[in-house]
Amino acid sequence: AVDLPVVSDAKEFILNIKNKLDYQQIKRNTEIWTNELVEWKRTVPR
């Protein structure tokens, strides 16, 4: 079950949304989260 269904070709969706996003706001909101995930990948056990 999803909260927002979007019936669209993947490329069409990405082309439509990519120039509308506020990237600075996204990076401010997610910086701690992103750094944490990158560390999970770097330290992932073999």
All heavy atoms as atom14 arrays in JSON, in Angstrom:
{
  "sequence": "AVDLPVVSDAKEFILNIKNKLDYQQIKRNTEIWTNELVEWKRTVPR",
  "atom14_mask": [
    [1, 1, 1, 1, 1, 0, 0, 0, 0, 0, 0, 0, 0, 0],
    [1, 1, 1, 1, 1, 1, 1, 0, 0, 0, 0, 0, 0, 0],
    [1, 1, 1, 1, 1, 1, 1, 1, 0, 0, 0, 0, 0, 0],
    [1, 1, 1, 1, 1, 1, 1, 1, 0, 0, 0, 0, 0, 0],
    [1, 1, 1, 1, 1, 1, 1, 0, 0, 0, 0, 0, 0, 0],
    [1, 1, 1, 1, 1, 1, 1, 0, 0, 0, 0, 0, 0, 0],
    [1, 1, 1, 1, 1, 1, 1, 0, 0, 0, 0, 0, 0, 0],
    [1, 1, 1, 1, 1, 1, 0, 0, 0, 0, 0, 0, 0, 0],
    [1, 1, 1, 1, 1, 1, 1, 1, 0, 0, 0, 0, 0, 0],
    [1, 1, 1, 1, 1, 0, 0, 0, 0, 0, 0, 0, 0, 0],
    [1, 1, 1, 1, 1, 1, 1, 1, 1, 0, 0, 0, 0, 0],
    [1, 1, 1, 1, 1, 1, 1, 1, 1, 0, 0, 0, 0, 0],
    [1, 1, 1, 1, 1, 1, 1, 1, 1, 1, 1, 0, 0, 0],
    [1, 1, 1, 1, 1, 1, 1, 1, 0, 0, 0, 0, 0, 0],
    [1, 1, 1, 1, 1, 1, 1, 1, 0, 0, 0, 0, 0, 0],
    [1, 1, 1, 1, 1, 1, 1, 1, 0, 0, 0, 0, 0, 0],
    [1, 1, 1, 1, 1, 1, 1, 1, 0, 0, 0, 0, 0, 0],
    [1, 1, 1, 1, 1, 1, 1, 1, 1, 0, 0, 0, 0, 0],
    [1, 1, 1, 1, 1, 1, 1, 1, 0, 0, 0, 0, 0, 0],
    [1, 1, 1, 1, 1, 1, 1, 1, 1, 0, 0, 0, 0, 0],
    [1, 1, 1, 1, 1, 1, 1, 1, 0, 0, 0, 0, 0, 0],
    [1, 1, 1, 1, 1, 1, 1, 1, 0, 0, 0, 0, 0, 0],
    [1, 1, 1, 1, 1, 1, 1, 1, 1, 1, 1, 1, 0, 0],
    [1, 1, 1, 1, 1, 1, 1, 1, 1, 0, 0, 0, 0, 0],
    [1, 1, 1, 1, 1, 1, 1, 1, 1, 0, 0, 0, 0, 0],
    [1, 1, 1, 1, 1, 1, 1, 1, 0, 0, 0, 0, 0, 0],
    [1, 1, 1, 1, 1, 1, 1, 1, 1, 0, 0, 0, 0, 0],
    [1, 1, 1, 1, 1, 1, 1, 1, 1, 1, 1, 0, 0, 0],
    [1, 1, 1, 1, 1, 1, 1, 1, 0, 0, 0, 0, 0, 0],
    [1, 1, 1, 1, 1, 1, 1, 0, 0, 0, 0, 0, 0, 0],
    [1, 1, 1, 1, 1, 1, 1, 1, 1, 0, 0, 0, 0, 0],
    [1, 1, 1, 1, 1, 1, 1, 1, 0, 0, 0, 0, 0, 0],
    [1, 1, 1, 1, 1, 1, 1, 1, 1, 1, 1, 1, 1, 1],
    [1, 1, 1, 1, 1, 1, 1, 0, 0, 0, 0, 0, 0, 0],
    [1, 1, 1, 1, 1, 1, 1, 1, 0, 0, 0, 0, 0, 0],
    [1, 1, 1, 1, 1, 1, 1, 1, 1, 0, 0, 0, 0, 0],
    [1, 1, 1, 1, 1, 1, 1, 1, 0, 0, 0, 0, 0, 0],
    [1, 1, 1, 1, 1, 1, 1, 0, 0, 0, 0, 0, 0, 0],
    [1, 1, 1, 1, 1, 1, 1, 1, 1, 0, 0, 0, 0, 0],
    [1, 1, 1, 1, 1, 1, 1, 1, 1, 1, 1, 1, 1, 1],
    [1, 1, 1, 1, 1, 1, 1, 1, 1, 0, 0, 0, 0, 0],
    [1, 1, 1, 1, 1, 1, 1, 1, 1, 1, 1, 0, 0, 0],
    [1, 1, 1, 1, 1, 1, 1, 0, 0, 0, 0, 0, 0, 0],
    [1, 1, 1, 1, 1, 1, 1, 0, 0, 0, 0, 0, 0, 0],
    [1, 1, 1, 1, 1, 1, 1, 0, 0, 0, 0, 0, 0, 0],
    [1, 1, 1, 1, 1, 1, 1, 1, 1, 1, 1, 0, 0, 0]
  ],
  "atom14_positions": [
    [[0.85, -1.19, 0.0], [0.0, 0.0, 0.0], [0.88, 1.24, 0.0], [1.84, 1.33, 0.78], [-0.91, -0.01, 1.22], [0.0, 0.0, 0.0], [0.0, 0.0, 0.0], [0.0, 0.0, 0.0], [0.0, 0.0, 0.0], [0.0, 0.0, 0.0], [0.0, 0.0, 0.0], [0.0, 0.0, 0.0], [0.0, 0.0, 0.0], [0.0, 0.0, 0.0]],
    [[0.59, 2.18, -0.89], [1.42, 3.37, -1.0], [0.6, 4.62, -0.7], [-0.62, 4.63, -0.82], [2.07, 3.48, -2.4], [2.93, 2.26, -2.67], [1.04, 3.67, -3.5], [0.0, 0.0, 0.0], [0.0, 0.0, 0.0], [0.0, 0.0, 0.0], [0.0, 0.0, 0.0], [0.0, 0.0, 0.0], [0.0, 0.0, 0.0], [0.0, 0.0, 0.0]],
    [[1.31, 5.68, -0.33], [0.65, 6.94, 0.01], [0.42, 7.82, -1.2], [-0.54, 8.57, -1.25], [1.5, 7.69, 1.05], [1.69, 6.89, 2.32], [0.8, 6.93, 3.19], [2.71, 6.21, 2.45], [0.0, 0.0, 0.0], [0.0, 0.0, 0.0], [0.0, 0.0, 0.0], [0.0, 0.0, 0.0], [0.0, 0.0, 0.0], [0.0, 0.0, 0.0]],
    [[1.33, 7.73, -2.18], [1.17, 8.52, -3.39], [1.42, 7.64, -4.62], [2.57, 7.33, -4.95], [2.16, 9.7, -3.4], [2.14, 10.57, -4.66], [0.76, 11.21, -4.87], [3.22, 11.65, -4.6], [0.0, 0.0, 0.0], [0.0, 0.0, 0.0], [0.0, 0.0, 0.0], [0.0, 0.0, 0.0], [0.0, 0.0, 0.0], [0.0, 0.0, 0.0]],
    [[0.36, 7.2, -5.29], [0.53, 6.45, -6.54], [0.74, 7.4, -7.72], [0.01, 8.39, -7.85], [-0.79, 5.69, -6.66], [-1.8, 6.56, -5.96], [-1.06, 7.31, -4.88], [0.0, 0.0, 0.0], [0.0, 0.0, 0.0], [0.0, 0.0, 0.0], [0.0, 0.0, 0.0], [0.0, 0.0, 0.0], [0.0, 0.0, 0.0], [0.0, 0.0, 0.0]],
    [[1.72, 7.12, -8.56], [1.98, 7.95, -9.73], [2.09, 7.03, -10.95], [3.05, 6.27, -11.08], [3.28, 8.77, -9.59], [3.45, 9.69, -10.8], [3.27, 9.57, -8.3], [0.0, 0.0, 0.0], [0.0, 0.0, 0.0], [0.0, 0.0, 0.0], [0.0, 0.0, 0.0], [0.0, 0.0, 0.0], [0.0, 0.0, 0.0], [0.0, 0.0, 0.0]],
    [[1.11, 7.08, -11.82], [1.14, 6.27, -13.04], [1.87, 7.07, -14.11], [1.34, 8.02, -14.66], [-0.28, 5.9, -13.5], [-0.22, 5.05, -14.77], [-1.03, 5.17, -12.4], [0.0, 0.0, 0.0], [0.0, 0.0, 0.0], [0.0, 0.0, 0.0], [0.0, 0.0, 0.0], [0.0, 0.0, 0.0], [0.0, 0.0, 0.0], [0.0, 0.0, 0.0]],
    [[3.11, 6.68, -14.35], [3.93, 7.45, -15.27], [5.13, 6.61, -15.71], [5.62, 5.75, -14.98], [4.44, 8.73, -14.59], [5.4, 9.4, -15.38], [0.0, 0.0, 0.0], [0.0, 0.0, 0.0], [0.0, 0.0, 0.0], [0.0, 0.0, 0.0], [0.0, 0.0, 0.0], [0.0, 0.0, 0.0], [0.0, 0.0, 0.0], [0.0, 0.0, 0.0]],
    [[5.63, 6.9, -16.89], [6.93, 6.41, -17.31], [7.98, 6.99, -16.36], [7.9, 8.16, -15.96], [7.21, 6.87, -18.74], [8.62, 6.57, -19.19], [8.9, 5.4, -19.5], [9.43, 7.52, -19.21], [0.0, 0.0, 0.0], [0.0, 0.0, 0.0], [0.0, 0.0, 0.0], [0.0, 0.0, 0.0], [0.0, 0.0, 0.0], [0.0, 0.0, 0.0]],
    [[8.96, 6.18, -15.98], [9.95, 6.6, -14.99], [10.71, 7.85, -15.46], [10.91, 8.8, -14.68], [10.92, 5.45, -14.72], [0.0, 0.0, 0.0], [0.0, 0.0, 0.0], [0.0, 0.0, 0.0], [0.0, 0.0, 0.0], [0.0, 0.0, 0.0], [0.0, 0.0, 0.0], [0.0, 0.0, 0.0], [0.0, 0.0, 0.0], [0.0, 0.0, 0.0]],
    [[11.14, 7.86, -16.7], [11.91, 9.0, -17.2], [11.07, 10.26, -17.25], [11.53, 11.35, -16.9], [12.48, 8.68, -18.58], [13.44, 9.74, -19.09], [14.14, 9.28, -20.36], [15.18, 10.29, -20.82], [15.94, 9.8, -22.0], [0.0, 0.0, 0.0], [0.0, 0.0, 0.0], [0.0, 0.0, 0.0], [0.0, 0.0, 0.0], [0.0, 0.0, 0.0]],
    [[9.81, 10.1, -17.65], [8.92, 11.27, -17.7], [8.75, 11.87, -16.32], [8.79, 13.1, -16.15], [7.56, 10.85, -18.28], [6.57, 12.0, -18.4], [5.21, 11.56, -18.91], [4.98, 10.33, -19.0], [4.38, 12.43, -19.19], [0.0, 0.0, 0.0], [0.0, 0.0, 0.0], [0.0, 0.0, 0.0], [0.0, 0.0, 0.0], [0.0, 0.0, 0.0]],
    [[8.58, 11.01, -15.3], [8.43, 11.51, -13.93], [9.69, 12.25, -13.48], [9.62, 13.36, -12.93], [8.15, 10.34, -12.99], [8.15, 10.72, -11.53], [7.03, 11.31, -10.95], [9.27, 10.51, -10.74], [7.03, 11.67, -9.61], [9.29, 10.86, -9.4], [8.16, 11.44, -8.83], [0.0, 0.0, 0.0], [0.0, 0.0, 0.0], [0.0, 0.0, 0.0]],
    [[10.84, 11.65, -13.7], [12.09, 12.26, -13.24], [12.35, 13.58, -13.96], [12.77, 14.57, -13.34], [13.26, 11.28, -13.43], [13.1, 10.09, -12.48], [14.6, 11.97, -13.17], [14.13, 8.99, -12.67], [0.0, 0.0, 0.0], [0.0, 0.0, 0.0], [0.0, 0.0, 0.0], [0.0, 0.0, 0.0], [0.0, 0.0, 0.0], [0.0, 0.0, 0.0]],
    [[12.11, 13.61, -15.27], [12.31, 14.85, -16.01], [11.39, 15.96, -15.51], [11.77, 17.13, -15.49], [12.07, 14.6, -17.51], [13.16, 13.84, -18.26], [12.7, 13.51, -19.67], [14.46, 14.64, -18.29], [0.0, 0.0, 0.0], [0.0, 0.0, 0.0], [0.0, 0.0, 0.0], [0.0, 0.0, 0.0], [0.0, 0.0, 0.0], [0.0, 0.0, 0.0]],
    [[10.18, 15.59, -15.12], [9.21, 16.59, -14.65], [9.54, 17.12, -13.27], [9.26, 18.27, -12.96], [7.8, 16.0, -14.65], [7.09, 16.15, -15.98], [6.54, 17.2, -16.29], [7.15, 15.11, -16.79], [0.0, 0.0, 0.0], [0.0, 0.0, 0.0], [0.0, 0.0, 0.0], [0.0, 0.0, 0.0], [0.0, 0.0, 0.0], [0.0, 0.0, 0.0]],
    [[10.14, 16.29, -12.43], [10.34, 16.72, -11.04], [11.73, 17.27, -10.78], [11.92, 18.06, -9.84], [10.05, 15.55, -10.06], [9.76, 16.08, -8.66], [11.19, 14.54, -10.04], [9.23, 15.03, -7.69], [0.0, 0.0, 0.0], [0.0, 0.0, 0.0], [0.0, 0.0, 0.0], [0.0, 0.0, 0.0], [0.0, 0.0, 0.0], [0.0, 0.0, 0.0]],
    [[12.71, 16.92, -11.58], [14.11, 17.21, -11.2], [14.4, 18.71, -11.11], [15.21, 19.14, -10.28], [15.08, 16.52, -12.16], [15.19, 17.12, -13.53], [16.35, 16.49, -14.3], [16.58, 17.21, -15.61], [17.78, 16.72, -16.31], [0.0, 0.0, 0.0], [0.0, 0.0, 0.0], [0.0, 0.0, 0.0], [0.0, 0.0, 0.0], [0.0, 0.0, 0.0]],
    [[13.77, 19.54, -11.94], [14.04, 20.98, -11.91], [13.1, 21.74, -10.99], [13.18, 22.97, -10.88], [13.97, 21.56, -13.32], [15.1, 21.06, -14.19], [16.21, 20.85, -13.72], [14.82, 20.84, -15.47], [0.0, 0.0, 0.0], [0.0, 0.0, 0.0], [0.0, 0.0, 0.0], [0.0, 0.0, 0.0], [0.0, 0.0, 0.0], [0.0, 0.0, 0.0]],
    [[12.21, 21.02, -10.3], [11.28, 21.66, -9.37], [11.7, 21.49, -7.91], [11.18, 22.17, -7.04], [9.87, 21.08, -9.57], [9.31, 21.36, -10.96], [7.92, 20.78, -11.13], [7.37, 21.08, -12.53], [6.02, 20.52, -12.73], [0.0, 0.0, 0.0], [0.0, 0.0, 0.0], [0.0, 0.0, 0.0], [0.0, 0.0, 0.0], [0.0, 0.0, 0.0]],
    [[12.63, 20.59, -7.66], [13.03, 20.31, -6.28], [13.95, 21.39, -5.74], [14.81, 21.92, -6.46], [13.73, 18.95, -6.21], [12.88, 17.72, -6.49], [13.75, 16.47, -6.62], [11.83, 17.51, -5.39], [0.0, 0.0, 0.0], [0.0, 0.0, 0.0], [0.0, 0.0, 0.0], [0.0, 0.0, 0.0], [0.0, 0.0, 0.0], [0.0, 0.0, 0.0]],
    [[13.79, 21.69, -4.45], [14.69, 22.6, -3.75], [15.81, 21.76, -3.15], [15.69, 21.21, -2.05], [13.93, 23.34, -2.65], [14.78, 24.4, -1.95], [16.02, 24.26, -1.97], [14.21, 25.33, -1.36], [0.0, 0.0, 0.0], [0.0, 0.0, 0.0], [0.0, 0.0, 0.0], [0.0, 0.0, 0.0], [0.0, 0.0, 0.0], [0.0, 0.0, 0.0]],
    [[16.91, 21.63, -3.87], [17.97, 20.71, -3.47], [18.69, 21.16, -2.21], [19.15, 20.33, -1.42], [18.96, 20.53, -4.63], [18.36, 19.79, -5.79], [17.91, 20.47, -6.93], [18.22, 18.41, -5.76], [17.35, 19.79, -8.0], [17.65, 17.72, -6.83], [17.22, 18.42, -7.94], [16.65, 17.73, -8.99], [0.0, 0.0, 0.0], [0.0, 0.0, 0.0]],
    [[18.8, 22.45, -2.0], [19.45, 22.93, -0.79], [18.65, 22.55, 0.45], [19.2, 22.12, 1.47], [19.63, 24.46, -0.85], [20.61, 24.92, -1.92], [21.97, 24.28, -1.76], [22.51, 24.17, -0.64], [22.54, 23.81, -2.87], [0.0, 0.0, 0.0], [0.0, 0.0, 0.0], [0.0, 0.0, 0.0], [0.0, 0.0, 0.0], [0.0, 0.0, 0.0]],
    [[17.33, 22.67, 0.37], [16.48, 22.28, 1.5], [16.59, 20.78, 1.76], [16.67, 20.33, 2.91], [15.02, 22.66, 1.23], [14.08, 22.25, 2.38], [12.64, 22.64, 2.12], [12.38, 23.56, 1.36], [11.71, 21.96, 2.77], [0.0, 0.0, 0.0], [0.0, 0.0, 0.0], [0.0, 0.0, 0.0], [0.0, 0.0, 0.0], [0.0, 0.0, 0.0]],
    [[16.59, 19.99, 0.69], [16.69, 18.54, 0.84], [17.99, 18.17, 1.55], [18.0, 17.38, 2.49], [16.61, 17.84, -0.53], [15.22, 18.04, -1.16], [16.93, 16.35, -0.41], [15.14, 17.59, -2.61], [0.0, 0.0, 0.0], [0.0, 0.0, 0.0], [0.0, 0.0, 0.0], [0.0, 0.0, 0.0], [0.0, 0.0, 0.0], [0.0, 0.0, 0.0]],
    [[19.11, 18.77, 1.12], [20.4, 18.44, 1.72], [20.48, 18.89, 3.18], [21.08, 18.19, 4.0], [21.53, 19.07, 0.89], [21.75, 18.35, -0.44], [23.0, 18.8, -1.15], [22.83, 20.15, -1.78], [24.0, 20.49, -2.65], [0.0, 0.0, 0.0], [0.0, 0.0, 0.0], [0.0, 0.0, 0.0], [0.0, 0.0, 0.0], [0.0, 0.0, 0.0]],
    [[19.88, 20.03, 3.5], [19.85, 20.48, 4.91], [19.1, 19.49, 5.78], [19.53, 19.14, 6.89], [19.22, 21.87, 5.01], [20.1, 23.02, 4.59], [19.55, 24.34, 5.06], [18.19, 24.59, 4.58], [17.91, 25.2, 3.43], [18.9, 25.63, 2.64], [16.65, 25.41, 3.05], [0.0, 0.0, 0.0], [0.0, 0.0, 0.0], [0.0, 0.0, 0.0]],
    [[17.97, 19.02, 5.26], [17.11, 18.12, 6.05], [17.72, 16.73, 6.22], [17.41, 16.03, 7.2], [15.73, 17.98, 5.4], [14.9, 19.23, 5.54], [15.18, 20.1, 6.37], [13.85, 19.35, 4.73], [0.0, 0.0, 0.0], [0.0, 0.0, 0.0], [0.0, 0.0, 0.0], [0.0, 0.0, 0.0], [0.0, 0.0, 0.0], [0.0, 0.0, 0.0]],
    [[18.51, 16.3, 5.26], [18.92, 14.89, 5.21], [20.42, 14.67, 5.44], [20.88, 13.54, 5.37], [18.55, 14.29, 3.85], [19.27, 14.97, 2.8], [17.06, 14.4, 3.58], [0.0, 0.0, 0.0], [0.0, 0.0, 0.0], [0.0, 0.0, 0.0], [0.0, 0.0, 0.0], [0.0, 0.0, 0.0], [0.0, 0.0, 0.0], [0.0, 0.0, 0.0]],
    [[21.17, 15.71, 5.75], [22.62, 15.58, 5.85], [23.05, 14.53, 6.87], [23.9, 13.67, 6.58], [23.26, 16.93, 6.2], [24.77, 16.87, 6.27], [25.39, 18.22, 6.59], [24.62, 19.17, 6.88], [26.62, 18.34, 6.54], [0.0, 0.0, 0.0], [0.0, 0.0, 0.0], [0.0, 0.0, 0.0], [0.0, 0.0, 0.0], [0.0, 0.0, 0.0]],
    [[22.46, 14.56, 8.06], [22.84, 13.6, 9.1], [22.5, 12.18, 8.66], [23.3, 11.25, 8.8], [22.12, 13.95, 10.43], [22.61, 15.3, 10.95], [22.35, 12.84, 11.47], [21.85, 15.79, 12.17], [0.0, 0.0, 0.0], [0.0, 0.0, 0.0], [0.0, 0.0, 0.0], [0.0, 0.0, 0.0], [0.0, 0.0, 0.0], [0.0, 0.0, 0.0]],
    [[21.32, 12.01, 8.1], [20.85, 10.7, 7.62], [21.76, 10.15, 6.52], [22.2, 9.0, 6.56], [19.42, 10.84, 7.13], [18.85, 9.73, 6.32], [18.54, 9.76, 4.99], [18.47, 8.42, 6.76], [18.0, 8.57, 4.57], [17.94, 7.72, 5.65], [18.52, 7.77, 7.98], [17.47, 6.41, 5.73], [18.05, 6.45, 8.07], [17.55, 5.79, 6.95]],
    [[22.06, 11.0, 5.56], [22.9, 10.56, 4.44], [24.29, 10.14, 4.91], [24.81, 9.1, 4.5], [23.01, 11.67, 3.39], [21.7, 11.98, 2.89], [23.9, 11.25, 2.24], [0.0, 0.0, 0.0], [0.0, 0.0, 0.0], [0.0, 0.0, 0.0], [0.0, 0.0, 0.0], [0.0, 0.0, 0.0], [0.0, 0.0, 0.0], [0.0, 0.0, 0.0]],
    [[24.87, 10.94, 5.78], [26.21, 10.6, 6.3], [26.18, 9.27, 7.05], [27.13, 8.48, 6.97], [26.71, 11.71, 7.21], [27.05, 12.98, 6.44], [27.27, 12.94, 5.22], [27.08, 14.11, 7.12], [0.0, 0.0, 0.0], [0.0, 0.0, 0.0], [0.0, 0.0, 0.0], [0.0, 0.0, 0.0], [0.0, 0.0, 0.0], [0.0, 0.0, 0.0]],
    [[25.09, 9.03, 7.79], [24.97, 7.78, 8.54], [24.9, 6.59, 7.58], [25.57, 5.56, 7.8], [23.71, 7.83, 9.42], [23.54, 6.62, 10.32], [22.3, 6.73, 11.21], [21.47, 7.64, 10.99], [22.16, 5.89, 12.12], [0.0, 0.0, 0.0], [0.0, 0.0, 0.0], [0.0, 0.0, 0.0], [0.0, 0.0, 0.0], [0.0, 0.0, 0.0]],
    [[24.13, 6.71, 6.5], [23.98, 5.61, 5.56], [25.27, 5.35, 4.79], [25.63, 4.18, 4.53], [22.84, 5.9, 4.57], [21.47, 5.32, 4.96], [21.02, 5.81, 6.33], [20.42, 5.65, 3.92], [0.0, 0.0, 0.0], [0.0, 0.0, 0.0], [0.0, 0.0, 0.0], [0.0, 0.0, 0.0], [0.0, 0.0, 0.0], [0.0, 0.0, 0.0]],
    [[25.97, 6.4, 4.41], [27.24, 6.22, 3.73], [28.23, 5.48, 4.62], [28.99, 4.63, 4.16], [27.82, 7.59, 3.29], [29.25, 7.45, 2.81], [26.95, 8.21, 2.19], [0.0, 0.0, 0.0], [0.0, 0.0, 0.0], [0.0, 0.0, 0.0], [0.0, 0.0, 0.0], [0.0, 0.0, 0.0], [0.0, 0.0, 0.0], [0.0, 0.0, 0.0]],
    [[28.17, 5.75, 5.91], [29.04, 5.05, 6.85], [28.64, 3.59, 6.98], [29.5, 2.71, 7.09], [28.99, 5.74, 8.22], [29.96, 5.2, 9.25], [31.42, 5.47, 8.91], [31.69, 6.24, 7.96], [32.3, 4.9, 9.59], [0.0, 0.0, 0.0], [0.0, 0.0, 0.0], [0.0, 0.0, 0.0], [0.0, 0.0, 0.0], [0.0, 0.0, 0.0]],
    [[27.33, 3.31, 6.96], [26.88, 1.91, 6.99], [27.46, 1.14, 5.81], [27.9, 0.0, 5.95], [25.35, 1.84, 6.92], [24.65, 2.25, 8.16], [25.2, 2.47, 9.39], [23.24, 2.5, 8.3], [24.21, 2.84, 10.28], [23.01, 2.87, 9.65], [22.16, 2.46, 7.43], [21.75, 3.19, 10.13], [20.9, 2.77, 7.9], [20.69, 3.13, 9.25]],
    [[27.46, 1.78, 4.64], [28.0, 1.1, 3.46], [29.5, 0.9, 3.59], [30.03, -0.18, 3.27], [27.69, 1.91, 2.2], [28.27, 1.27, 0.93], [28.02, 2.09, -0.32], [28.63, 1.42, -1.54], [28.41, 2.17, -2.79], [0.0, 0.0, 0.0], [0.0, 0.0, 0.0], [0.0, 0.0, 0.0], [0.0, 0.0, 0.0], [0.0, 0.0, 0.0]],
    [[30.19, 1.92, 4.1], [31.65, 1.84, 4.19], [32.11, 0.77, 5.17], [33.13, 0.1, 4.95], [32.21, 3.2, 4.61], [33.72, 3.32, 4.48], [34.21, 4.66, 5.0], [34.06, 4.76, 6.44], [34.92, 4.22, 7.32], [35.97, 3.54, 6.9], [34.72, 4.37, 8.62], [0.0, 0.0, 0.0], [0.0, 0.0, 0.0], [0.0, 0.0, 0.0]],
    [[31.34, 0.6, 6.25], [31.74, -0.34, 7.3], [30.99, -1.65, 7.25], [31.04, -2.43, 8.19], [31.52, 0.3, 8.69], [30.12, 0.64, 8.84], [32.37, 1.55, 8.86], [0.0, 0.0, 0.0], [0.0, 0.0, 0.0], [0.0, 0.0, 0.0], [0.0, 0.0, 0.0], [0.0, 0.0, 0.0], [0.0, 0.0, 0.0], [0.0, 0.0, 0.0]],
    [[30.29, -1.89, 6.14], [29.49, -3.11, 6.03], [30.39, -4.33, 6.17], [31.48, -4.39, 5.6], [28.71, -3.15, 4.69], [29.66, -3.26, 3.52], [27.72, -4.3, 4.67], [0.0, 0.0, 0.0], [0.0, 0.0, 0.0], [0.0, 0.0, 0.0], [0.0, 0.0, 0.0], [0.0, 0.0, 0.0], [0.0, 0.0, 0.0], [0.0, 0.0, 0.0]],
    [[29.97, -5.32, 6.97], [30.8, -6.52, 7.11], [30.89, -7.3, 5.82], [29.97, -7.3, 5.01], [30.07, -7.32, 8.21], [28.7, -6.76, 8.28], [28.77, -5.36, 7.8], [0.0, 0.0, 0.0], [0.0, 0.0, 0.0], [0.0, 0.0, 0.0], [0.0, 0.0, 0.0], [0.0, 0.0, 0.0], [0.0, 0.0, 0.0], [0.0, 0.0, 0.0]],
    [[32.03, -7.98, 5.61], [32.2, -8.84, 4.44], [31.6, -10.2, 4.73], [31.63, -10.68, 5.86], [33.68, -9.0, 4.1], [34.44, -7.7, 3.96], [34.0, -6.86, 2.79], [34.19, -7.48, 1.51], [34.17, -6.81, 0.36], [33.99, -5.51, 0.35], [34.33, -7.45, -0.77], [0.0, 0.0, 0.0], [0.0, 0.0, 0.0], [0.0, 0.0, 0.0]]
  ]
}
